[in-house]
Full PDB file with SEQRES, HELIX, SHEET, SSBOND, CRYST1, ORIGX, SCALE, CONECT and MASTER records, all heavy atoms in Angstrom:
SEQRES   1 A   37  ARG TYR LEU LEU ILE THR LEU LEU TYR VAL SER TYR GLY          
SEQRES   2 A   37  GLY LEU MET LEU TRP LEU LEU ALA SER GLY LEU GLY GLU          
SEQRES   3 A   37  LEU PHE VAL PRO VAL VAL ALA TYR MET SER ILE                  
HELIX    1 AA1 TYR A    2  LEU A   24  1                                  23    
HELIX    2 AA2 GLY A   25  LEU A   27  5                                   3    
HELIX    3 AA3 PHE A   28  SER A   36  1                                   9    
CRYST1    1.000    1.000    1.000  90.00  90.00  90.00 P 1           1          
ORIGX1      1.000000  0.000000  0.000000        0.00000                         
ORIGX2      0.000000  1.000000  0.000000        0.00000                         
ORIGX3      0.000000  0.000000  1.000000        0.00000                         
SCALE1      1.000000  0.000000  0.000000        0.00000                         
SCALE2      0.000000  1.000000  0.000000        0.00000                         
SCALE3      0.000000  0.000000  1.000000        0.00000                         
ATOM      1  N   ARG A   1     -30.603 174.022 168.112  1.00  0.00           N  
ATOM      2  CA  ARG A   1     -31.773 173.553 167.350  1.00  0.00           C  
ATOM      3  C   ARG A   1     -31.768 172.039 167.201  1.00  0.00           C  
ATOM      4  O   ARG A   1     -32.808 171.400 167.263  1.00  0.00           O  
ATOM      5  CB  ARG A   1     -31.870 174.241 166.003  1.00  0.00           C  
ATOM      6  CG  ARG A   1     -30.770 173.881 165.057  1.00  0.00           C  
ATOM      7  CD  ARG A   1     -30.904 174.578 163.746  1.00  0.00           C  
ATOM      8  NE  ARG A   1     -29.725 174.292 162.954  1.00  0.00           N  
ATOM      9  CZ  ARG A   1     -29.457 174.859 161.826  1.00  0.00           C  
ATOM     10  NH1 ARG A   1     -30.277 175.756 161.342  1.00  0.00           N  
ATOM     11  NH2 ARG A   1     -28.380 174.541 161.162  1.00  0.00           N  
ATOM     12  N   TYR A   2     -30.584 171.439 167.003  1.00  0.00           N  
ATOM     13  CA  TYR A   2     -30.525 169.987 166.871  1.00  0.00           C  
ATOM     14  C   TYR A   2     -30.806 169.292 168.194  1.00  0.00           C  
ATOM     15  O   TYR A   2     -31.463 168.261 168.238  1.00  0.00           O  
ATOM     16  CB  TYR A   2     -29.167 169.555 166.315  1.00  0.00           C  
ATOM     17  CG  TYR A   2     -28.916 170.056 164.912  1.00  0.00           C  
ATOM     18  CD1 TYR A   2     -27.753 170.742 164.595  1.00  0.00           C  
ATOM     19  CD2 TYR A   2     -29.848 169.860 163.895  1.00  0.00           C  
ATOM     20  CE1 TYR A   2     -27.519 171.207 163.310  1.00  0.00           C  
ATOM     21  CE2 TYR A   2     -29.634 170.325 162.612  1.00  0.00           C  
ATOM     22  CZ  TYR A   2     -28.465 171.005 162.328  1.00  0.00           C  
ATOM     23  OH  TYR A   2     -28.254 171.457 161.057  1.00  0.00           O  
ATOM     24  N   LEU A   3     -30.319 169.859 169.265  1.00  0.00           N  
ATOM     25  CA  LEU A   3     -30.593 169.294 170.588  1.00  0.00           C  
ATOM     26  C   LEU A   3     -32.076 169.372 170.914  1.00  0.00           C  
ATOM     27  O   LEU A   3     -32.660 168.424 171.429  1.00  0.00           O  
ATOM     28  CB  LEU A   3     -29.770 170.010 171.663  1.00  0.00           C  
ATOM     29  CG  LEU A   3     -28.266 169.731 171.645  1.00  0.00           C  
ATOM     30  CD1 LEU A   3     -27.549 170.627 172.662  1.00  0.00           C  
ATOM     31  CD2 LEU A   3     -27.985 168.274 171.929  1.00  0.00           C  
ATOM     32  N   LEU A   4     -32.700 170.504 170.591  1.00  0.00           N  
ATOM     33  CA  LEU A   4     -34.123 170.693 170.857  1.00  0.00           C  
ATOM     34  C   LEU A   4     -34.967 169.719 170.039  1.00  0.00           C  
ATOM     35  O   LEU A   4     -35.879 169.068 170.569  1.00  0.00           O  
ATOM     36  CB  LEU A   4     -34.541 172.137 170.566  1.00  0.00           C  
ATOM     37  CG  LEU A   4     -36.005 172.461 170.767  1.00  0.00           C  
ATOM     38  CD1 LEU A   4     -36.403 172.240 172.224  1.00  0.00           C  
ATOM     39  CD2 LEU A   4     -36.298 173.884 170.345  1.00  0.00           C  
ATOM     40  N   ILE A   5     -34.656 169.588 168.764  1.00  0.00           N  
ATOM     41  CA  ILE A   5     -35.418 168.679 167.899  1.00  0.00           C  
ATOM     42  C   ILE A   5     -35.232 167.233 168.361  1.00  0.00           C  
ATOM     43  O   ILE A   5     -36.194 166.459 168.408  1.00  0.00           O  
ATOM     44  CB  ILE A   5     -35.012 168.867 166.425  1.00  0.00           C  
ATOM     45  CG1 ILE A   5     -35.481 170.244 165.943  1.00  0.00           C  
ATOM     46  CG2 ILE A   5     -35.581 167.764 165.544  1.00  0.00           C  
ATOM     47  CD1 ILE A   5     -34.893 170.700 164.636  1.00  0.00           C  
ATOM     48  N   THR A   6     -34.014 166.868 168.730  1.00  0.00           N  
ATOM     49  CA  THR A   6     -33.760 165.521 169.249  1.00  0.00           C  
ATOM     50  C   THR A   6     -34.567 165.291 170.512  1.00  0.00           C  
ATOM     51  O   THR A   6     -35.199 164.240 170.678  1.00  0.00           O  
ATOM     52  CB  THR A   6     -32.255 165.322 169.513  1.00  0.00           C  
ATOM     53  OG1 THR A   6     -31.538 165.514 168.292  1.00  0.00           O  
ATOM     54  CG2 THR A   6     -31.976 163.932 170.068  1.00  0.00           C  
ATOM     55  N   LEU A   7     -34.583 166.261 171.406  1.00  0.00           N  
ATOM     56  CA  LEU A   7     -35.351 166.158 172.644  1.00  0.00           C  
ATOM     57  C   LEU A   7     -36.848 166.005 172.350  1.00  0.00           C  
ATOM     58  O   LEU A   7     -37.531 165.216 173.001  1.00  0.00           O  
ATOM     59  CB  LEU A   7     -35.105 167.379 173.537  1.00  0.00           C  
ATOM     60  CG  LEU A   7     -35.823 167.403 174.872  1.00  0.00           C  
ATOM     61  CD1 LEU A   7     -35.383 166.235 175.737  1.00  0.00           C  
ATOM     62  CD2 LEU A   7     -35.547 168.715 175.601  1.00  0.00           C  
ATOM     63  N   LEU A   8     -37.356 166.727 171.359  1.00  0.00           N  
ATOM     64  CA  LEU A   8     -38.769 166.612 170.991  1.00  0.00           C  
ATOM     65  C   LEU A   8     -39.100 165.207 170.484  1.00  0.00           C  
ATOM     66  O   LEU A   8     -40.104 164.620 170.888  1.00  0.00           O  
ATOM     67  CB  LEU A   8     -39.137 167.651 169.936  1.00  0.00           C  
ATOM     68  CG  LEU A   8     -39.255 169.087 170.427  1.00  0.00           C  
ATOM     69  CD1 LEU A   8     -39.404 170.053 169.249  1.00  0.00           C  
ATOM     70  CD2 LEU A   8     -40.424 169.230 171.378  1.00  0.00           C  
ATOM     71  N   TYR A   9     -38.262 164.668 169.602  1.00  0.00           N  
ATOM     72  CA  TYR A   9     -38.501 163.317 169.092  1.00  0.00           C  
ATOM     73  C   TYR A   9     -38.434 162.277 170.204  1.00  0.00           C  
ATOM     74  O   TYR A   9     -39.277 161.383 170.296  1.00  0.00           O  
ATOM     75  CB  TYR A   9     -37.515 162.958 167.978  1.00  0.00           C  
ATOM     76  CG  TYR A   9     -38.022 163.280 166.592  1.00  0.00           C  
ATOM     77  CD1 TYR A   9     -37.648 164.460 165.941  1.00  0.00           C  
ATOM     78  CD2 TYR A   9     -38.879 162.416 165.925  1.00  0.00           C  
ATOM     79  CE1 TYR A   9     -38.110 164.758 164.664  1.00  0.00           C  
ATOM     80  CE2 TYR A   9     -39.344 162.707 164.657  1.00  0.00           C  
ATOM     81  CZ  TYR A   9     -38.963 163.877 164.036  1.00  0.00           C  
ATOM     82  OH  TYR A   9     -39.430 164.172 162.785  1.00  0.00           O  
ATOM     83  N   VAL A  10     -37.427 162.381 171.070  1.00  0.00           N  
ATOM     84  CA  VAL A  10     -37.278 161.419 172.165  1.00  0.00           C  
ATOM     85  C   VAL A  10     -38.452 161.537 173.145  1.00  0.00           C  
ATOM     86  O   VAL A  10     -39.004 160.525 173.596  1.00  0.00           O  
ATOM     87  CB  VAL A  10     -35.922 161.617 172.886  1.00  0.00           C  
ATOM     88  CG1 VAL A  10     -35.849 160.810 174.175  1.00  0.00           C  
ATOM     89  CG2 VAL A  10     -34.773 161.246 171.951  1.00  0.00           C  
ATOM     90  N   SER A  11     -38.865 162.753 173.445  1.00  0.00           N  
ATOM     91  CA  SER A  11     -39.995 162.961 174.359  1.00  0.00           C  
ATOM     92  C   SER A  11     -41.284 162.408 173.762  1.00  0.00           C  
ATOM     93  O   SER A  11     -42.070 161.756 174.457  1.00  0.00           O  
ATOM     94  CB  SER A  11     -40.176 164.453 174.672  1.00  0.00           C  
ATOM     95  OG  SER A  11     -39.044 164.957 175.323  1.00  0.00           O  
ATOM     96  N   TYR A  12     -41.498 162.657 172.486  1.00  0.00           N  
ATOM     97  CA  TYR A  12     -42.689 162.137 171.827  1.00  0.00           C  
ATOM     98  C   TYR A  12     -42.682 160.611 171.851  1.00  0.00           C  
ATOM     99  O   TYR A  12     -43.698 159.979 172.157  1.00  0.00           O  
ATOM    100  CB  TYR A  12     -42.776 162.657 170.386  1.00  0.00           C  
ATOM    101  CG  TYR A  12     -44.008 162.153 169.677  1.00  0.00           C  
ATOM    102  CD1 TYR A  12     -45.241 162.729 169.941  1.00  0.00           C  
ATOM    103  CD2 TYR A  12     -43.944 161.098 168.788  1.00  0.00           C  
ATOM    104  CE1 TYR A  12     -46.394 162.257 169.319  1.00  0.00           C  
ATOM    105  CE2 TYR A  12     -45.079 160.622 168.163  1.00  0.00           C  
ATOM    106  CZ  TYR A  12     -46.294 161.209 168.424  1.00  0.00           C  
ATOM    107  OH  TYR A  12     -47.416 160.730 167.815  1.00  0.00           O  
ATOM    108  N   GLY A  13     -41.534 160.016 171.544  1.00  0.00           N  
ATOM    109  CA  GLY A  13     -41.422 158.563 171.578  1.00  0.00           C  
ATOM    110  C   GLY A  13     -41.689 158.010 172.970  1.00  0.00           C  
ATOM    111  O   GLY A  13     -42.381 156.996 173.127  1.00  0.00           O  
ATOM    112  N   GLY A  14     -41.173 158.680 173.982  1.00  0.00           N  
ATOM    113  CA  GLY A  14     -41.412 158.251 175.364  1.00  0.00           C  
ATOM    114  C   GLY A  14     -42.880 158.327 175.737  1.00  0.00           C  
ATOM    115  O   GLY A  14     -43.416 157.421 176.382  1.00  0.00           O  
ATOM    116  N   LEU A  15     -43.539 159.398 175.323  1.00  0.00           N  
ATOM    117  CA  LEU A  15     -44.976 159.559 175.602  1.00  0.00           C  
ATOM    118  C   LEU A  15     -45.783 158.459 174.908  1.00  0.00           C  
ATOM    119  O   LEU A  15     -46.654 157.841 175.531  1.00  0.00           O  
ATOM    120  CB  LEU A  15     -45.461 160.938 175.149  1.00  0.00           C  
ATOM    121  CG  LEU A  15     -46.959 161.187 175.258  1.00  0.00           C  
ATOM    122  CD1 LEU A  15     -47.411 161.149 176.717  1.00  0.00           C  
ATOM    123  CD2 LEU A  15     -47.327 162.508 174.603  1.00  0.00           C  
ATOM    124  N   MET A  16     -45.485 158.207 173.649  1.00  0.00           N  
ATOM    125  CA  MET A  16     -46.206 157.156 172.925  1.00  0.00           C  
ATOM    126  C   MET A  16     -45.961 155.790 173.560  1.00  0.00           C  
ATOM    127  O   MET A  16     -46.900 155.007 173.726  1.00  0.00           O  
ATOM    128  CB  MET A  16     -45.798 157.136 171.445  1.00  0.00           C  
ATOM    129  CG  MET A  16     -46.388 158.265 170.631  1.00  0.00           C  
ATOM    130  SD  MET A  16     -48.203 158.314 170.631  1.00  0.00           S  
ATOM    131  CE  MET A  16     -48.585 156.844 169.714  1.00  0.00           C  
ATOM    132  N   LEU A  17     -44.726 155.522 173.940  1.00  0.00           N  
ATOM    133  CA  LEU A  17     -44.432 154.240 174.576  1.00  0.00           C  
ATOM    134  C   LEU A  17     -45.178 154.111 175.897  1.00  0.00           C  
ATOM    135  O   LEU A  17     -45.739 153.054 176.199  1.00  0.00           O  
ATOM    136  CB  LEU A  17     -42.924 154.085 174.804  1.00  0.00           C  
ATOM    137  CG  LEU A  17     -42.484 152.780 175.454  1.00  0.00           C  
ATOM    138  CD1 LEU A  17     -42.946 151.574 174.634  1.00  0.00           C  
ATOM    139  CD2 LEU A  17     -40.981 152.767 175.631  1.00  0.00           C  
ATOM    140  N   TRP A  18     -45.222 155.170 176.653  1.00  0.00           N  
ATOM    141  CA  TRP A  18     -45.944 155.165 177.933  1.00  0.00           C  
ATOM    142  C   TRP A  18     -47.424 154.859 177.705  1.00  0.00           C  
ATOM    143  O   TRP A  18     -48.029 154.082 178.440  1.00  0.00           O  
ATOM    144  CB  TRP A  18     -45.755 156.509 178.636  1.00  0.00           C  
ATOM    145  CG  TRP A  18     -46.467 156.622 179.934  1.00  0.00           C  
ATOM    146  CD1 TRP A  18     -46.149 156.019 181.125  1.00  0.00           C  
ATOM    147  CD2 TRP A  18     -47.643 157.395 180.189  1.00  0.00           C  
ATOM    148  NE1 TRP A  18     -47.047 156.372 182.093  1.00  0.00           N  
ATOM    149  CE2 TRP A  18     -47.989 157.212 181.548  1.00  0.00           C  
ATOM    150  CE3 TRP A  18     -48.440 158.221 179.395  1.00  0.00           C  
ATOM    151  CZ2 TRP A  18     -49.088 157.833 182.120  1.00  0.00           C  
ATOM    152  CZ3 TRP A  18     -49.532 158.835 179.978  1.00  0.00           C  
ATOM    153  CH2 TRP A  18     -49.847 158.629 181.321  1.00  0.00           C  
ATOM    154  N   LEU A  19     -48.006 155.459 176.659  1.00  0.00           N  
ATOM    155  CA  LEU A  19     -49.420 155.231 176.361  1.00  0.00           C  
ATOM    156  C   LEU A  19     -49.684 153.810 175.851  1.00  0.00           C  
ATOM    157  O   LEU A  19     -50.684 153.196 176.209  1.00  0.00           O  
ATOM    158  CB  LEU A  19     -49.918 156.233 175.312  1.00  0.00           C  
ATOM    159  CG  LEU A  19     -50.099 157.674 175.762  1.00  0.00           C  
ATOM    160  CD1 LEU A  19     -50.430 158.554 174.561  1.00  0.00           C  
ATOM    161  CD2 LEU A  19     -51.173 157.782 176.821  1.00  0.00           C  
ATOM    162  N   LEU A  20     -48.809 153.307 175.022  1.00  0.00           N  
ATOM    163  CA  LEU A  20     -49.064 152.039 174.336  1.00  0.00           C  
ATOM    164  C   LEU A  20     -48.575 150.804 175.090  1.00  0.00           C  
ATOM    165  O   LEU A  20     -49.058 149.705 174.837  1.00  0.00           O  
ATOM    166  CB  LEU A  20     -48.410 152.051 172.949  1.00  0.00           C  
ATOM    167  CG  LEU A  20     -48.810 153.164 171.988  1.00  0.00           C  
ATOM    168  CD1 LEU A  20     -48.084 152.989 170.664  1.00  0.00           C  
ATOM    169  CD2 LEU A  20     -50.301 153.233 171.795  1.00  0.00           C  
ATOM    170  N   ALA A  21     -47.630 150.969 175.984  1.00  0.00           N  
ATOM    171  CA  ALA A  21     -46.926 149.821 176.588  1.00  0.00           C  
ATOM    172  C   ALA A  21     -47.853 148.751 177.148  1.00  0.00           C  
ATOM    173  O   ALA A  21     -47.653 147.560 176.893  1.00  0.00           O  
ATOM    174  CB  ALA A  21     -45.969 150.309 177.682  1.00  0.00           C  
ATOM    175  N   SER A  22     -48.868 149.140 177.863  1.00  0.00           N  
ATOM    176  CA  SER A  22     -49.731 148.144 178.500  1.00  0.00           C  
ATOM    177  C   SER A  22     -50.564 147.349 177.491  1.00  0.00           C  
ATOM    178  O   SER A  22     -51.025 146.248 177.807  1.00  0.00           O  
ATOM    179  CB  SER A  22     -50.651 148.807 179.523  1.00  0.00           C  
ATOM    180  OG  SER A  22     -51.537 149.697 178.875  1.00  0.00           O  
ATOM    181  N   GLY A  23     -50.742 147.846 176.283  1.00  0.00           N  
ATOM    182  CA  GLY A  23     -51.540 147.142 175.281  1.00  0.00           C  
ATOM    183  C   GLY A  23     -50.721 146.335 174.288  1.00  0.00           C  
ATOM    184  O   GLY A  23     -51.277 145.671 173.420  1.00  0.00           O  
ATOM    185  N   LEU A  24     -49.393 146.361 174.412  1.00  0.00           N  
ATOM    186  CA  LEU A  24     -48.540 145.713 173.414  1.00  0.00           C  
ATOM    187  C   LEU A  24     -48.398 144.206 173.601  1.00  0.00           C  
ATOM    188  O   LEU A  24     -48.203 143.478 172.631  1.00  0.00           O  
ATOM    189  CB  LEU A  24     -47.153 146.366 173.403  1.00  0.00           C  
ATOM    190  CG  LEU A  24     -47.113 147.813 172.941  1.00  0.00           C  
ATOM    191  CD1 LEU A  24     -45.711 148.380 173.097  1.00  0.00           C  
ATOM    192  CD2 LEU A  24     -47.591 147.945 171.508  1.00  0.00           C  
ATOM    193  N   GLY A  25     -48.462 143.742 174.828  1.00  0.00           N  
ATOM    194  CA  GLY A  25     -48.343 142.307 175.087  1.00  0.00           C  
ATOM    195  C   GLY A  25     -47.082 141.721 174.504  1.00  0.00           C  
ATOM    196  O   GLY A  25     -45.985 142.259 174.676  1.00  0.00           O  
ATOM    197  N   GLU A  26     -47.233 140.614 173.761  1.00  0.00           N  
ATOM    198  CA  GLU A  26     -46.071 139.927 173.186  1.00  0.00           C  
ATOM    199  C   GLU A  26     -45.398 140.709 172.062  1.00  0.00           C  
ATOM    200  O   GLU A  26     -44.305 140.362 171.621  1.00  0.00           O  
ATOM    201  CB  GLU A  26     -46.469 138.535 172.684  1.00  0.00           C  
ATOM    202  CG  GLU A  26     -47.456 138.559 171.548  1.00  0.00           C  
ATOM    203  CD  GLU A  26     -47.964 137.178 171.158  1.00  0.00           C  
ATOM    204  OE1 GLU A  26     -47.904 136.256 171.993  1.00  0.00           O  
ATOM    205  OE2 GLU A  26     -48.427 137.045 170.017  1.00  0.00           O  
ATOM    206  N   LEU A  27     -46.040 141.780 171.604  1.00  0.00           N  
ATOM    207  CA  LEU A  27     -45.441 142.623 170.556  1.00  0.00           C  
ATOM    208  C   LEU A  27     -44.600 143.763 171.128  1.00  0.00           C  
ATOM    209  O   LEU A  27     -44.126 144.611 170.380  1.00  0.00           O  
ATOM    210  CB  LEU A  27     -46.536 143.193 169.650  1.00  0.00           C  
ATOM    211  CG  LEU A  27     -47.262 142.185 168.777  1.00  0.00           C  
ATOM    212  CD1 LEU A  27     -48.405 142.854 168.016  1.00  0.00           C  
ATOM    213  CD2 LEU A  27     -46.302 141.520 167.812  1.00  0.00           C  
ATOM    214  N   PHE A  28     -44.407 143.774 172.451  1.00  0.00           N  
ATOM    215  CA  PHE A  28     -43.697 144.884 173.088  1.00  0.00           C  
ATOM    216  C   PHE A  28     -42.326 145.119 172.450  1.00  0.00           C  
ATOM    217  O   PHE A  28     -42.029 146.235 172.010  1.00  0.00           O  
ATOM    218  CB  PHE A  28     -43.537 144.636 174.597  1.00  0.00           C  
ATOM    219  CG  PHE A  28     -42.878 145.776 175.315  1.00  0.00           C  
ATOM    220  CD1 PHE A  28     -43.627 146.863 175.736  1.00  0.00           C  
ATOM    221  CD2 PHE A  28     -41.509 145.775 175.555  1.00  0.00           C  
ATOM    222  CE1 PHE A  28     -43.029 147.932 176.384  1.00  0.00           C  
ATOM    223  CE2 PHE A  28     -40.891 146.844 176.199  1.00  0.00           C  
ATOM    224  CZ  PHE A  28     -41.662 147.924 176.617  1.00  0.00           C  
ATOM    225  N   VAL A  29     -41.492 144.107 172.380  1.00  0.00           N  
ATOM    226  CA  VAL A  29     -40.126 144.280 171.865  1.00  0.00           C  
ATOM    227  C   VAL A  29     -40.129 144.693 170.388  1.00  0.00           C  
ATOM    228  O   VAL A  29     -39.457 145.669 170.021  1.00  0.00           O  
ATOM    229  CB  VAL A  29     -39.267 143.029 172.117  1.00  0.00           C  
ATOM    230  CG1 VAL A  29     -37.920 143.119 171.402  1.00  0.00           C  
ATOM    231  CG2 VAL A  29     -39.053 142.840 173.619  1.00  0.00           C  
ATOM    232  N   PRO A  30     -40.867 143.996 169.500  1.00  0.00           N  
ATOM    233  CA  PRO A  30     -40.842 144.425 168.105  1.00  0.00           C  
ATOM    234  C   PRO A  30     -41.407 145.835 167.891  1.00  0.00           C  
ATOM    235  O   PRO A  30     -40.888 146.593 167.070  1.00  0.00           O  
ATOM    236  CB  PRO A  30     -41.681 143.392 167.363  1.00  0.00           C  
ATOM    237  CG  PRO A  30     -42.072 142.352 168.324  1.00  0.00           C  
ATOM    238  CD  PRO A  30     -41.609 142.754 169.674  1.00  0.00           C  
ATOM    239  N   VAL A  31     -42.447 146.190 168.626  1.00  0.00           N  
ATOM    240  CA  VAL A  31     -43.030 147.527 168.452  1.00  0.00           C  
ATOM    241  C   VAL A  31     -42.069 148.596 168.971  1.00  0.00           C  
ATOM    242  O   VAL A  31     -41.892 149.638 168.336  1.00  0.00           O  
ATOM    243  CB  VAL A  31     -44.419 147.630 169.121  1.00  0.00           C  
ATOM    244  CG1 VAL A  31     -44.901 149.071 169.172  1.00  0.00           C  
ATOM    245  CG2 VAL A  31     -45.425 146.774 168.348  1.00  0.00           C  
ATOM    246  N   VAL A  32     -41.413 148.352 170.097  1.00  0.00           N  
ATOM    247  CA  VAL A  32     -40.437 149.322 170.609  1.00  0.00           C  
ATOM    248  C   VAL A  32     -39.269 149.462 169.630  1.00  0.00           C  
ATOM    249  O   VAL A  32     -38.800 150.578 169.370  1.00  0.00           O  
ATOM    250  CB  VAL A  32     -39.947 148.935 172.020  1.00  0.00           C  
ATOM    251  CG1 VAL A  32     -38.758 149.778 172.441  1.00  0.00           C  
ATOM    252  CG2 VAL A  32     -41.081 149.092 173.030  1.00  0.00           C  
ATOM    253  N   ALA A  33     -38.813 148.353 169.060  1.00  0.00           N  
ATOM    254  CA  ALA A  33     -37.743 148.420 168.057  1.00  0.00           C  
ATOM    255  C   ALA A  33     -38.202 149.235 166.856  1.00  0.00           C  
ATOM    256  O   ALA A  33     -37.469 150.091 166.351  1.00  0.00           O  
ATOM    257  CB  ALA A  33     -37.327 147.014 167.635  1.00  0.00           C  
ATOM    258  N   TYR A  34     -39.426 148.977 166.403  1.00  0.00           N  
ATOM    259  CA  TYR A  34     -39.960 149.719 165.256  1.00  0.00           C  
ATOM    260  C   TYR A  34     -40.121 151.198 165.583  1.00  0.00           C  
ATOM    261  O   TYR A  34     -39.755 152.065 164.775  1.00  0.00           O  
ATOM    262  CB  TYR A  34     -41.292 149.132 164.785  1.00  0.00           C  
ATOM    263  CG  TYR A  34     -41.834 149.930 163.624  1.00  0.00           C  
ATOM    264  CD1 TYR A  34     -41.290 149.773 162.359  1.00  0.00           C  
ATOM    265  CD2 TYR A  34     -42.839 150.882 163.807  1.00  0.00           C  
ATOM    266  CE1 TYR A  34     -41.740 150.530 161.297  1.00  0.00           C  
ATOM    267  CE2 TYR A  34     -43.288 151.641 162.754  1.00  0.00           C  
ATOM    268  CZ  TYR A  34     -42.740 151.465 161.500  1.00  0.00           C  
ATOM    269  OH  TYR A  34     -43.166 152.236 160.455  1.00  0.00           O  
ATOM    270  N   MET A  35     -40.668 151.496 166.761  1.00  0.00           N  
ATOM    271  CA  MET A  35     -40.822 152.898 167.157  1.00  0.00           C  
ATOM    272  C   MET A  35     -39.471 153.610 167.170  1.00  0.00           C  
ATOM    273  O   MET A  35     -39.362 154.758 166.726  1.00  0.00           O  
ATOM    274  CB  MET A  35     -41.458 152.998 168.553  1.00  0.00           C  
ATOM    275  CG  MET A  35     -42.936 152.730 168.601  1.00  0.00           C  
ATOM    276  SD  MET A  35     -43.583 152.744 170.295  1.00  0.00           S  
ATOM    277  CE  MET A  35     -43.280 154.430 170.772  1.00  0.00           C  
ATOM    278  N   SER A  36     -38.462 152.919 167.644  1.00  0.00           N  
ATOM    279  CA  SER A  36     -37.124 153.513 167.732  1.00  0.00           C  
ATOM    280  C   SER A  36     -36.578 153.837 166.346  1.00  0.00           C  
ATOM    281  O   SER A  36     -36.067 154.938 166.115  1.00  0.00           O  
ATOM    282  CB  SER A  36     -36.167 152.563 168.458  1.00  0.00           C  
ATOM    283  OG  SER A  36     -36.607 152.322 169.769  1.00  0.00           O  
ATOM    284  N   ILE A  37     -36.700 152.890 165.415  1.00  0.00           N  
ATOM    285  CA  ILE A  37     -36.167 153.120 164.076  1.00  0.00           C  
ATOM    286  C   ILE A  37     -36.995 154.180 163.340  1.00  0.00           C  
ATOM    287  O   ILE A  37     -36.462 154.985 162.582  1.00  0.00           O  
ATOM    288  CB  ILE A  37     -36.042 151.802 163.271  1.00  0.00           C  
ATOM    289  CG1 ILE A  37     -35.000 151.936 162.168  1.00  0.00           C  
ATOM    290  CG2 ILE A  37     -37.351 151.364 162.686  1.00  0.00           C  
ATOM    291  CD1 ILE A  37     -33.596 152.001 162.632  1.00  0.00           C  
TER     292      ILE A  37                                                      
MASTER        0    0    0    3    0    0    0    6  291    1    0    3          
END                                                                             
């Protein structure tokens, strides 16, 4: 259950990053750091 939930969070984060990355511009690093935390 912990592995599955971790995989869901990581997958969701990856999907959001994939969607948002091209629009982040100079905020890419801070937004990725924030998304991670």
